[in-house]
Amino acid sequence: MTIKSVLVRHARTLLRMMLPIAALGGFAPAPLAAATLQDIRAAGVLKVCIWPDYYGIAFRDPRTGTLAGLDIDLAAAFAADLGVRPTYVESSFVRFAADLADRKCDIAMFGVGVTPERAARVRFTSPYLRSDVVAVILKEGSPVAQWADIDRKPRVVAVQAGTFMEPLMRATLKQAELLVIAPPDSREDALLSGRADVFISDYPYTRRVLDFLPWAAVILPQAPVQPVNYAYAVALGDEAWLGRAEAFVATIKQDGRLRAAAIRHKLEPIALLQ
């Protein structure tokens, strides 16, 4: 840790201690502006929030512990552009906004869908992926054969807690029952155990189904349901850092790194290359 980073940290601590005193004195000092980019360079580390169960995006191999995926590649590229090394902070779709606000990570890079609720809590870059929803069923013996079969009694539809599929299914299901899955439970276990007839996910997840789950099949909607943009997220209050992240997204679209990573991880159909 450099002398500069120590001084910055001590200055912020002192300011937090002064806030109650200032309030008692009848005035409120201006909030200290975030300086994420300076902190990253001072520490030599880019802290990246990921959800390590997102196949094709940011996935930890349970056998080796190795992380792989499009956003693992691009997080490493972003860190290299900044002249620092990446470190990965395990988060989730439920926790990432709080983790950013608490400075546990500098940026969330794991295919975060842009929704109004999330946009009120974080700042998003321009999108780099766009995916609609898909359905995953048992290959044999499923009561669901096409998309129209999903919202019928007595179907049970599972979604991962905190994903954009949760509010979408709450709003659109009229007859089927919604089952929200949170760790340590999984959508796959719910399907295999018969607690769910189908679960709703997105295009990247289909890669996992096709590559690793021979008992499962994918159903695509006959017409668009709700295509969602995916973007990188940073904490509120640091426009300079948001601008640097935005510049990175623009650069990887122009120089081919986004296309190359999308091809490598079989996600080119949902990559926004312009």
Foldseek 3Di string as FASTA:
>chain_A
DDPVLVVVVVVLVVVVVCQVVQVVVPDGDDDDFDDLLVNCVVVLEAEEEEAQVQAQFWHQDPVPRDIDHLQVVLQQVLSVVSRGGYDYDYDDLVCPLVCQVVPVGFKYGGQAWDDPVVVVRWPWAPFFFKKFKKKKAFPPDFPDDAPVSQQAPAAEEEEEPNHPVVVLCVVPRDRYHYDYDYPPDDPVCCRVVVVGRMYMDIDSVVLCCVPPPPRMDMHDHPDGDDMTTTTMIHGPRHVVSSVSRNVSSVVCLVPVVSVVSCVVSVNNVGTDSD
